[in-house]
């Protein structure tokens, strides 16, 4: 699992049948510098829990991401949680 920040939505009018009805979000993985050449710091993740732009999210990748229902779905990354904001003390 990794933590990232949702930076936008992905729209695909034509996609694999198993992806119909699933929301795709662009997630910047925390710990990577964001610049024009850092394509490995961005994931496209399926969102089934209602995350939005600016949310800190927990993302699982690989086989666990594609195993969220009975049928095999071609998913590499799945948002599994929205991180609660931290409170600053003092």
C-alpha atoms as a PDB file:
ATOM      1  CA  UNK A   1       0.000   0.000   0.000  1.00  0.00           C
ATOM      2  CA  UNK A   2       1.064   3.571  -0.632  1.00  0.00           C
ATOM      3  CA  UNK A   3      -0.237   7.000   0.341  1.00  0.00           C
ATOM      4  CA  UNK A   4      -0.918   9.616  -2.300  1.00  0.00           C
ATOM      5  CA  UNK A   5      -2.922  12.716  -3.136  1.00  0.00           C
ATOM      6  CA  UNK A   6      -5.710  12.814  -5.699  1.00  0.00           C
ATOM      7  CA  UNK A   7      -4.755  15.400  -8.335  1.00  0.00           C
ATOM      8  CA  UNK A   8      -7.520  14.894 -10.882  1.00  0.00           C
ATOM      9  CA  UNK A   9     -10.009  12.678 -12.676  1.00  0.00           C
ATOM     10  CA  UNK A  10      -9.432  10.483 -15.703  1.00  0.00           C
ATOM     11  CA  UNK A  11     -12.197  10.273 -18.308  1.00  0.00           C
ATOM     12  CA  UNK A  12     -12.302   7.350 -20.742  1.00  0.00           C
ATOM     13  CA  UNK A  13     -15.389   7.069 -22.922  1.00  0.00           C
ATOM     14  CA  UNK A  14     -14.161   3.746 -24.315  1.00  0.00           C
ATOM     15  CA  UNK A  15     -12.713   1.225 -21.892  1.00  0.00           C
ATOM     16  CA  UNK A  16     -12.685  -2.449 -20.921  1.00  0.00           C
ATOM     17  CA  UNK A  17     -16.207  -3.694 -20.119  1.00  0.00           C
ATOM     18  CA  UNK A  18     -15.264  -4.575 -16.518  1.00  0.00           C
ATOM     19  CA  UNK A  19     -14.365  -0.926 -15.886  1.00  0.00           C
ATOM     20  CA  UNK A  20     -17.806   0.423 -16.831  1.00  0.00           C
ATOM     21  CA  UNK A  21     -19.231   2.484 -13.981  1.00  0.00           C
ATOM     22  CA  UNK A  22     -15.935   2.778 -12.105  1.00  0.00           C
ATOM     23  CA  UNK A  23     -14.434   6.207 -11.376  1.00  0.00           C
ATOM     24  CA  UNK A  24     -10.772   6.641 -12.366  1.00  0.00           C
ATOM     25  CA  UNK A  25      -8.605   9.137 -10.492  1.00  0.00           C
ATOM     26  CA  UNK A  26      -5.086  10.440 -11.033  1.00  0.00           C
ATOM     27  CA  UNK A  27      -3.072   9.975  -7.813  1.00  0.00           C
ATOM     28  CA  UNK A  28       0.333  11.525  -7.090  1.00  0.00           C
ATOM     29  CA  UNK A  29       2.287   9.129  -4.859  1.00  0.00           C
ATOM     30  CA  UNK A  30       3.744  10.902  -1.816  1.00  0.00           C
ATOM     31  CA  UNK A  31       7.536  10.994  -1.596  1.00  0.00           C
ATOM     32  CA  UNK A  32       8.131  11.638  -5.309  1.00  0.00           C
ATOM     33  CA  UNK A  33       9.012  15.071  -6.657  1.00  0.00           C
ATOM     34  CA  UNK A  34       6.345  16.411  -9.006  1.00  0.00           C
ATOM     35  CA  UNK A  35       7.926  17.659 -12.199  1.00  0.00           C
ATOM     36  CA  UNK A  36       7.415  17.216 -15.922  1.00  0.00           C
ATOM     37  CA  UNK A  37       9.698  14.170 -16.081  1.00  0.00           C
ATOM     38  CA  UNK A  38       8.396  12.230 -13.063  1.00  0.00           C
ATOM     39  CA  UNK A  39       5.768  10.047 -14.720  1.00  0.00           C
ATOM     40  CA  UNK A  40       6.383   7.201 -12.256  1.00  0.00           C
ATOM     41  CA  UNK A  41       4.991   9.327  -9.427  1.00  0.00           C
ATOM     42  CA  UNK A  42       1.450   9.262 -10.906  1.00  0.00           C
ATOM     43  CA  UNK A  43      -0.982   6.335 -10.766  1.00  0.00           C
ATOM     44  CA  UNK A  44      -4.404   5.893 -12.300  1.00  0.00           C
ATOM     45  CA  UNK A  45      -6.484   4.313  -9.541  1.00  0.00           C
ATOM     46  CA  UNK A  46     -10.054   3.070  -9.369  1.00  0.00           C
ATOM     47  CA  UNK A  47     -12.133   4.858  -6.733  1.00  0.00           C
ATOM     48  CA  UNK A  48     -15.166   3.131  -5.217  1.00  0.00           C
ATOM     49  CA  UNK A  49     -15.286   5.099  -1.942  1.00  0.00           C
ATOM     50  CA  UNK A  50     -15.843   8.685  -3.087  1.00  0.00           C
ATOM     51  CA  UNK A  51     -12.410  10.330  -2.960  1.00  0.00           C
ATOM     52  CA  UNK A  52     -11.971  13.688  -4.625  1.00  0.00           C
ATOM     53  CA  UNK A  53      -9.297  16.106  -5.767  1.00  0.00           C
ATOM     54  CA  UNK A  54      -7.008  17.072  -2.897  1.00  0.00           C
ATOM     55  CA  UNK A  55      -7.831  14.042  -0.731  1.00  0.00           C
ATOM     56  CA  UNK A  56      -4.990  12.018   0.797  1.00  0.00           C
ATOM     57  CA  UNK A  57      -5.712   8.390  -0.052  1.00  0.00           C
ATOM     58  CA  UNK A  58      -4.419   4.889   0.635  1.00  0.00           C
ATOM     59  CA  UNK A  59      -3.841   2.919  -2.569  1.00  0.00           C
ATOM     60  CA  UNK A  60      -3.263  -0.802  -2.955  1.00  0.00           C
ATOM     61  CA  UNK A  61      -1.652  -2.113  -6.115  1.00  0.00           C
ATOM     62  CA  UNK A  62      -1.325  -5.383  -7.998  1.00  0.00           C
ATOM     63  CA  UNK A  63      -3.431  -8.495  -7.431  1.00  0.00           C
ATOM     64  CA  UNK A  64      -5.290  -7.200  -4.327  1.00  0.00           C
ATOM     65  CA  UNK A  65      -6.536  -4.234  -6.380  1.00  0.00           C
ATOM     66  CA  UNK A  66      -8.185  -6.446  -8.979  1.00  0.00           C
ATOM     67  CA  UNK A  67      -9.803  -8.796  -6.458  1.00  0.00           C
ATOM     68  CA  UNK A  68     -12.561  -6.485  -5.178  1.00  0.00           C
ATOM     69  CA  UNK A  69     -15.370  -8.491  -6.820  1.00  0.00           C
ATOM     70  CA  UNK A  70     -16.074 -11.959  -8.215  1.00  0.00           C
ATOM     71  CA  UNK A  71     -15.051 -11.260 -11.822  1.00  0.00           C
ATOM     72  CA  UNK A  72     -11.524 -10.608 -13.013  1.00  0.00           C
ATOM     73  CA  UNK A  73     -11.091  -6.883 -13.692  1.00  0.00           C
ATOM     74  CA  UNK A  74      -7.952  -5.322 -15.248  1.00  0.00           C
ATOM     75  CA  UNK A  75      -7.110  -2.989 -12.349  1.00  0.00           C
ATOM     76  CA  UNK A  76      -3.593  -2.249 -11.125  1.00  0.00           C
ATOM     77  CA  UNK A  77      -4.417   0.331  -8.418  1.00  0.00           C
ATOM     78  CA  UNK A  78      -7.445   0.705  -6.109  1.00  0.00           C
ATOM     79  CA  UNK A  79      -8.159   3.450  -3.571  1.00  0.00           C
ATOM     80  CA  UNK A  80      -9.029   1.659  -0.323  1.00  0.00           C
ATOM     81  CA  UNK A  81      -9.142   4.568   2.133  1.00  0.00           C
ATOM     82  CA  UNK A  82      -9.247   8.331   2.585  1.00  0.00           C
ATOM     83  CA  UNK A  83      -6.746   9.527   5.189  1.00  0.00           C
ATOM     84  CA  UNK A  84      -8.191  11.729   7.926  1.00  0.00           C
ATOM     85  CA  UNK A  85      -6.523  15.142   8.314  1.00  0.00           C
ATOM     86  CA  UNK A  86      -3.895  15.282  11.054  1.00  0.00           C
ATOM     87  CA  UNK A  87      -4.416  17.669  13.933  1.00  0.00           C
ATOM     88  CA  UNK A  88      -1.450  19.834  14.858  1.00  0.00           C
ATOM     89  CA  UNK A  89      -0.753  20.010  18.588  1.00  0.00           C
ATOM     90  CA  UNK A  90       0.544  23.093  20.320  1.00  0.00           C
END
